[in-house]
Amino acid sequence: MRPARFWQKLFGPGYRPAVVRWIFNKQSLAFLSIFMLAVGGFLQATGHRSVVAESLTSLRTSVSVADRVRQSGSMECRMQMAAKEGAPLDYVIRWIPPGIARVDVQKAGEVRETLWITNGDLAVIDHQKNMSQKFARLEQLKDSVFQPVLAFLSPAVIAENMDQRWQLERFEQETGSHQGTFTFVEHEKGFFLKMTVDLDSYLPIRISRLHPSTEKGGPAEELMRLDFTWNQPDSSQWMIPETHGKNGNG
């Protein structure tokens, strides 16, 4: 097997960060050093050293970002969905530990529905109908208006997707910039993600889900955009579930 192809199979597009996360823990650094000296010297001799450096930088940065996301103390995310016609849907996701989340669905500036997650309990409030409905599992929301946000409901969900579901293609950083951009692929959905991260905090600033252009070399279509705020003092009034007159069970 050619050395560049070997390295790309190990750390290239399609690798799973969870499988290789152990490489960067303290117990494995000694082994990694010896391994990299051998592999680096071999690839340098064959002219493929840049493949090693770029792949390691992408992997190390991805692991660091996922770890920092897991450790975050609070998250607020504003997401906008593209609409083929009419006003686009806007979502506001708020999360605080140990696992309290609120998602507001807005259209034309009006909150239409709210999803509450508290201590494992799920409830959806329809503000227009003045009704609330309880659900036992998140899977029951897959066909609802909340389906687009299920991959971003909490820091743990985002980090898990980075580790296990989104396949890292590349990481790019402009010289002198404190920001970098990951490109992930969602093979199941046929989309790809652009994640811009702050390299001082190692936390995401923005995520865009894009659909590849049907024309070769054409611009990708942005399907949704998420803008993040992390570790801000939370306002308790946002995280207190509301009560409504009519109830139902999912």
Protein backbone atom coordinates (compact mmCIF):
# COMPACT_ATOMS: atom_id res chain seq x y z
CA MET A 1 0.00 0.00 0.00
CA ARG A 2 1.31 3.48 -0.87
CA PRO A 3 2.27 5.48 2.28
CA ALA A 4 -0.03 8.41 1.53
CA ARG A 5 -2.96 6.07 1.00
CA PHE A 6 -2.16 4.25 4.25
CA TRP A 7 -2.26 7.52 6.18
CA GLN A 8 -5.46 8.66 4.52
CA LYS A 9 -7.17 5.36 5.39
CA LEU A 10 -6.05 5.77 9.00
CA PHE A 11 -6.85 9.48 9.52
CA GLY A 12 -8.36 10.69 6.25
CA PRO A 13 -11.99 11.31 5.28
CA GLY A 14 -14.32 8.85 6.95
CA TYR A 15 -12.25 8.15 10.07
CA ARG A 16 -14.05 8.06 13.40
CA PRO A 17 -12.54 10.40 16.03
CA ALA A 18 -13.96 8.24 18.83
CA VAL A 19 -11.91 5.29 17.60
CA VAL A 20 -8.65 7.22 17.64
CA ARG A 21 -9.37 9.54 20.58
CA TRP A 22 -7.16 7.36 22.80
CA ILE A 23 -4.17 8.49 20.74
CA PHE A 24 -4.22 11.85 22.48
CA ASN A 25 -4.59 10.70 26.06
CA LYS A 26 -1.62 10.75 28.40
CA GLN A 27 -1.16 7.00 28.51
CA SER A 28 -0.66 6.80 24.78
CA LEU A 29 1.69 9.73 24.20
CA ALA A 30 4.84 7.63 24.58
CA PHE A 31 3.63 5.09 22.06
CA LEU A 32 2.48 7.87 19.74
CA SER A 33 5.88 9.56 19.86
CA ILE A 34 7.72 6.39 18.84
CA PHE A 35 5.11 5.57 16.22
CA MET A 36 5.17 9.06 14.72
CA LEU A 37 8.97 9.15 14.58
CA ALA A 38 8.92 5.97 12.56
CA VAL A 39 6.00 6.89 10.31
CA GLY A 40 7.10 10.53 9.94
CA GLY A 41 10.60 9.54 8.92
CA PHE A 42 9.27 7.02 6.44
CA LEU A 43 6.82 9.45 4.88
CA GLN A 44 9.40 12.23 4.78
CA ALA A 45 11.64 9.97 2.77
CA THR A 46 8.81 9.35 0.32
CA GLY A 47 7.71 13.00 0.10
CA HIS A 48 4.42 12.71 2.01
CA ARG A 49 5.24 14.45 5.29
CA SER A 50 2.61 17.19 4.70
CA VAL A 51 -0.11 14.52 4.70
CA VAL A 52 0.91 13.54 8.24
CA ALA A 53 1.00 17.12 9.53
CA GLU A 54 -2.35 18.13 8.05
CA SER A 55 -4.14 14.96 9.17
CA LEU A 56 -2.78 15.21 12.71
CA THR A 57 -3.70 18.90 12.97
CA SER A 58 -7.27 18.21 11.81
CA LEU A 59 -7.68 15.27 14.16
CA ARG A 60 -6.13 16.96 17.18
CA THR A 61 -8.21 20.10 16.71
CA SER A 62 -11.44 18.14 16.22
CA VAL A 63 -10.84 16.14 19.40
CA SER A 64 -10.03 19.33 21.35
CA VAL A 65 -13.19 21.09 20.14
CA ALA A 66 -15.41 18.09 20.98
CA ASP A 67 -13.89 17.92 24.48
CA ARG A 68 -14.39 21.65 25.11
CA VAL A 69 -17.98 21.43 23.89
CA ARG A 70 -18.64 18.61 26.40
CA GLN A 71 -17.19 20.70 29.22
CA SER A 72 -19.22 23.83 28.49
CA GLY A 73 -21.35 25.29 31.25
CA SER A 74 -24.17 26.64 29.09
CA MET A 75 -25.13 26.95 25.44
CA GLU A 76 -27.38 29.24 23.45
CA CYS A 77 -27.84 28.65 19.75
CA ARG A 78 -29.88 30.60 17.21
CA MET A 79 -30.70 28.60 14.12
CA GLN A 80 -32.34 29.73 10.90
CA MET A 81 -33.84 27.29 8.41
CA ALA A 82 -34.08 28.20 4.76
CA ALA A 83 -37.63 28.30 3.40
CA LYS A 84 -38.66 27.65 -0.21
CA GLU A 85 -41.60 29.96 0.27
CA GLY A 86 -42.90 32.18 3.04
CA ALA A 87 -41.01 33.28 6.14
CA PRO A 88 -38.13 31.05 7.31
CA LEU A 89 -38.32 29.16 10.59
CA ASP A 90 -36.05 30.37 13.38
CA TYR A 91 -35.09 28.29 16.40
CA VAL A 92 -33.57 29.37 19.70
CA ILE A 93 -31.94 26.54 21.65
CA ARG A 94 -30.96 27.14 25.27
CA TRP A 95 -29.22 24.53 27.43
CA ILE A 96 -27.88 24.51 30.99
CA PRO A 97 -26.60 21.58 33.08
CA PRO A 98 -27.46 19.01 34.23
CA GLY A 99 -29.65 18.62 31.14
CA ILE A 100 -32.30 21.32 31.01
CA ALA A 101 -33.13 22.56 27.53
CA ARG A 102 -35.64 24.88 25.93
CA VAL A 103 -36.21 25.21 22.18
CA ASP A 104 -38.44 27.98 20.83
CA VAL A 105 -39.71 27.80 17.24
CA GLN A 106 -40.32 31.22 15.75
CA LYS A 107 -41.89 32.36 12.50
CA ALA A 108 -42.13 36.00 11.47
CA GLY A 109 -40.87 36.95 14.94
CA GLU A 110 -43.61 35.03 16.80
CA VAL A 111 -42.94 32.01 19.04
CA ARG A 112 -45.14 29.21 17.71
CA GLU A 113 -44.01 26.16 19.73
CA THR A 114 -41.67 25.40 22.62
CA LEU A 115 -39.91 22.16 23.52
CA TRP A 116 -38.94 21.64 27.16
CA ILE A 117 -36.53 18.97 28.38
CA THR A 118 -36.20 18.76 32.17
CA ASN A 119 -34.78 15.77 34.06
CA GLY A 120 -35.49 13.52 31.09
CA ASP A 121 -39.10 14.67 30.71
CA LEU A 122 -40.16 16.09 27.34
CA ALA A 123 -43.05 18.45 26.73
CA VAL A 124 -44.09 20.45 23.66
CA ILE A 125 -46.20 23.56 24.02
CA ASP A 126 -48.24 24.83 21.08
CA HIS A 127 -48.69 28.52 21.84
CA GLN A 128 -51.21 29.08 19.07
CA LYS A 129 -53.52 26.28 20.22
CA ASN A 130 -52.75 26.81 23.92
CA MET A 131 -51.96 23.10 24.28
CA SER A 132 -49.14 21.03 25.75
CA GLN A 133 -48.16 17.45 24.96
CA LYS A 134 -45.74 15.13 26.75
CA PHE A 135 -43.40 12.68 25.05
CA ALA A 136 -41.46 9.71 26.37
CA ARG A 137 -38.53 9.79 23.90
CA LEU A 138 -36.83 12.24 21.56
CA GLU A 139 -37.39 9.77 18.71
CA GLN A 140 -41.07 10.66 18.84
CA LEU A 141 -40.19 14.19 17.65
CA LYS A 142 -38.46 13.10 14.43
CA ASP A 143 -41.47 13.96 12.28
CA SER A 144 -42.22 17.21 14.07
CA VAL A 145 -41.13 20.80 13.54
CA PHE A 146 -38.33 20.08 16.05
CA GLN A 147 -36.65 17.42 13.89
CA PRO A 148 -34.00 19.81 12.48
CA VAL A 149 -32.66 20.70 15.95
CA LEU A 150 -32.28 17.16 17.33
CA ALA A 151 -28.60 17.06 16.29
CA PHE A 152 -27.88 20.26 18.24
CA LEU A 153 -29.97 19.97 21.40
CA SER A 154 -27.06 19.97 23.84
CA PRO A 155 -23.25 20.13 23.97
CA ALA A 156 -23.13 16.36 24.53
CA VAL A 157 -25.19 15.70 21.39
CA ILE A 158 -22.98 17.97 19.27
CA ALA A 159 -19.78 16.36 20.59
CA GLU A 160 -21.19 12.87 19.98
CA ASN A 161 -22.02 13.80 16.40
CA MET A 162 -18.48 15.09 15.89
CA ASP A 163 -17.11 11.81 17.22
CA GLN A 164 -19.43 9.27 15.68
CA ARG A 165 -21.76 10.60 12.97
CA TRP A 166 -20.16 13.48 11.13
CA GLN A 167 -17.14 12.41 9.09
CA LEU A 168 -14.31 14.91 9.14
CA GLU A 169 -13.05 15.81 5.69
CA ARG A 170 -10.64 18.64 6.42
CA PHE A 171 -9.70 21.56 8.67
CA GLU A 172 -8.63 24.93 7.32
CA GLN A 173 -7.13 27.97 9.05
CA GLU A 174 -6.09 31.22 7.46
CA THR A 175 -2.62 32.43 8.40
CA GLY A 176 -2.78 34.73 11.42
CA SER A 177 -6.46 34.01 12.04
CA HIS A 178 -7.87 32.92 15.41
CA GLN A 179 -10.61 30.98 13.67
CA GLY A 180 -10.63 27.73 11.76
CA THR A 181 -13.20 25.83 9.71
CA PHE A 182 -14.00 22.12 9.75
CA THR A 183 -15.76 20.41 6.88
CA PHE A 184 -17.83 17.39 7.94
CA VAL A 185 -19.90 15.07 5.75
CA GLU A 186 -23.32 13.69 6.66
CA HIS A 187 -23.44 10.70 4.33
CA GLU A 188 -26.86 9.55 5.54
CA LYS A 189 -28.46 12.84 4.50
CA GLY A 190 -26.22 13.73 1.57
CA PHE A 191 -25.24 17.09 3.12
CA PHE A 192 -22.06 18.54 4.50
CA LEU A 193 -21.37 20.86 7.43
CA LYS A 194 -19.07 23.84 7.79
CA MET A 195 -18.14 24.46 11.43
CA THR A 196 -16.27 27.68 12.27
CA VAL A 197 -14.47 27.49 15.62
CA ASP A 198 -12.75 30.03 17.86
CA LEU A 199 -9.21 28.72 18.30
CA ASP A 200 -8.78 30.62 21.58
CA SER A 201 -11.71 28.90 23.30
CA TYR A 202 -11.93 25.84 20.99
CA LEU A 203 -15.71 26.28 20.82
CA PRO A 204 -17.91 26.52 17.71
CA ILE A 205 -18.99 29.97 16.57
CA ARG A 206 -21.13 28.90 13.65
CA ILE A 207 -22.33 25.75 11.89
CA SER A 208 -23.84 25.73 8.41
CA ARG A 209 -25.51 22.71 6.83
CA LEU A 210 -25.12 22.83 3.07
CA HIS A 211 -26.36 20.91 0.07
CA PRO A 212 -23.81 20.39 -2.72
CA SER A 213 -24.53 22.19 -5.96
CA THR A 214 -26.02 20.14 -8.76
CA GLU A 215 -23.70 22.00 -11.13
CA LYS A 216 -20.01 21.21 -11.12
CA GLY A 217 -18.16 23.97 -9.31
CA GLY A 218 -21.39 25.77 -8.41
CA PRO A 219 -22.03 27.28 -4.96
CA ALA A 220 -23.51 25.05 -2.27
CA GLU A 221 -27.00 25.84 -0.97
CA GLU A 222 -27.14 26.79 2.71
CA LEU A 223 -30.02 24.87 4.31
CA MET A 224 -29.55 26.05 7.87
CA ARG A 225 -27.22 28.22 9.91
CA LEU A 226 -26.54 28.07 13.64
CA ASP A 227 -24.82 30.80 15.66
CA PHE A 228 -23.56 29.88 19.14
CA THR A 229 -22.98 31.63 22.45
CA TRP A 230 -21.24 29.63 25.19
CA ASN A 231 -20.83 29.78 28.96
CA GLN A 232 -22.94 32.88 29.57
CA PRO A 233 -24.77 33.50 32.84
CA ASP A 234 -28.17 31.89 32.33
CA SER A 235 -31.47 33.61 32.97
CA SER A 236 -33.64 31.30 35.05
CA GLN A 237 -36.84 32.77 33.63
CA TRP A 238 -36.03 31.17 30.27
CA MET A 239 -35.65 27.72 31.79
CA ILE A 240 -38.89 27.42 33.80
CA PRO A 241 -41.45 25.26 31.94
CA GLU A 242 -44.76 26.95 31.24
CA THR A 243 -48.14 25.37 31.89
CA HIS A 244 -51.10 25.36 29.53
CA GLY A 245 -54.72 24.36 29.91
CA LYS A 246 -54.97 21.39 27.55
CA ASN A 247 -52.69 18.39 27.92
CA GLY A 248 -51.93 15.31 25.88
CA ASN A 249 -49.50 12.42 25.83
CA GLY A 250 -47.28 11.35 22.95
